[in-house]
Structure formats: structure tokens, C-alpha cells
Amino acid sequence: MILWTAMPIEAVLDGIETSPVYIEAEYNGRRLLLENIAHNQYKIVRLISTDPAEYLCNDNQPGTIITYG
């Protein structure tokens, strides 16, 4: 891939080295994959369950921000 820009390379690649921090945790009796976005603030990335009814609960939807810890 070639990127043609007049911006300095430092400005283009700023923050690209950081990768998200994921944890697998139990929250409200459900197993979740969470992404750390701030101190004690997590975004739900994935629900880990074999029960189809748990996927219908609005509290488990990916993208939901929760306080954990």
C-alpha cells in the first residue's frame, strides 16, 4: 500500500503502535470479552455463551460500555 501525503510520517502513524487490551471476564453471570478503554471502563467486544437467549439481552450487545473492576 502506498500513501501519498504532505503530512509528516509521525503525524500519519501517531498511535498506530498501540493495540487494544482485551480481557475475558464474567460480568452479571455471563462470560464476556472486554476491551479496556479507560480506568474501570470496558467495551463489550463479544459474548461467550452457548445459550441463545443470552444473545437477545440488550445488556450483552457488543459496543456497550460497562464499569468493571
Protein backbone atom coordinates (compact mmCIF):
# COMPACT_ATOMS: atom_id res chain seq x y z
CA MET A 1 0.00 0.00 0.00
CA ILE A 2 1.26 3.47 -0.88
CA LEU A 3 0.07 6.55 0.96
CA TRP A 4 0.75 9.85 -0.75
CA THR A 5 0.50 12.75 1.69
CA ALA A 6 2.17 16.04 2.53
CA MET A 7 1.85 15.31 6.25
CA PRO A 8 4.92 14.16 8.19
CA ILE A 9 5.11 10.41 8.74
CA GLU A 10 4.98 10.89 12.53
CA ALA A 11 1.57 12.56 12.25
CA VAL A 12 0.21 9.85 9.96
CA LEU A 13 1.39 6.94 12.11
CA ASP A 14 0.69 8.54 15.51
CA GLY A 15 -0.92 5.95 17.78
CA ILE A 16 -0.76 3.09 15.30
CA GLU A 17 1.59 1.05 17.52
CA THR A 18 -0.91 0.77 20.34
CA SER A 19 -3.12 -2.27 20.29
CA PRO A 20 -6.26 -2.64 22.38
CA VAL A 21 -6.10 -4.53 25.66
CA TYR A 22 -8.66 -7.34 25.88
CA ILE A 23 -9.69 -9.35 28.92
CA GLU A 24 -12.09 -12.24 29.31
CA ALA A 25 -14.27 -11.77 32.37
CA GLU A 26 -17.52 -12.81 33.96
CA TYR A 27 -19.99 -9.95 34.32
CA ASN A 28 -23.56 -10.41 35.63
CA GLY A 29 -23.15 -14.16 35.36
CA ARG A 30 -22.12 -14.02 31.70
CA ARG A 31 -18.72 -14.63 30.11
CA LEU A 32 -17.60 -11.62 28.03
CA LEU A 33 -14.61 -10.46 26.03
CA LEU A 34 -13.96 -6.85 27.06
CA GLU A 35 -11.76 -4.09 25.64
CA ASN A 36 -10.21 -1.71 28.17
CA ILE A 37 -11.00 1.88 27.13
CA ALA A 38 -10.37 3.73 30.42
CA HIS A 39 -9.82 3.06 34.11
CA ASN A 40 -12.61 0.59 35.10
CA GLN A 41 -14.40 1.30 31.80
CA TYR A 42 -14.72 -1.53 29.28
CA LYS A 43 -16.44 -2.01 25.96
CA ILE A 44 -18.10 -5.36 25.29
CA VAL A 45 -16.46 -6.96 22.27
CA ARG A 46 -18.01 -10.43 22.37
CA LEU A 47 -20.40 -12.53 24.40
CA ILE A 48 -19.10 -16.05 25.02
CA SER A 49 -22.08 -18.33 25.56
CA THR A 50 -23.86 -21.35 24.17
CA ASP A 51 -27.27 -20.14 25.38
CA PRO A 52 -29.13 -18.39 22.51
CA ALA A 53 -31.32 -16.44 24.96
CA GLU A 54 -28.29 -14.54 26.29
CA TYR A 55 -27.66 -13.05 22.86
CA LEU A 56 -31.10 -11.39 22.94
CA CYS A 57 -30.37 -9.43 26.14
CA ASN A 58 -29.60 -5.75 25.44
CA ASP A 59 -27.04 -5.66 28.27
CA ASN A 60 -24.75 -8.04 26.35
CA GLN A 61 -24.60 -6.28 22.99
CA PRO A 62 -21.16 -5.54 21.56
CA GLY A 63 -20.25 -1.89 21.87
CA THR A 64 -21.95 -1.46 25.23
CA ILE A 65 -19.78 0.39 27.75
CA ILE A 66 -19.70 -1.12 31.25
CA THR A 67 -17.90 -0.41 34.53
CA TYR A 68 -15.96 -3.45 35.70
CA GLY A 69 -13.29 -3.93 38.31
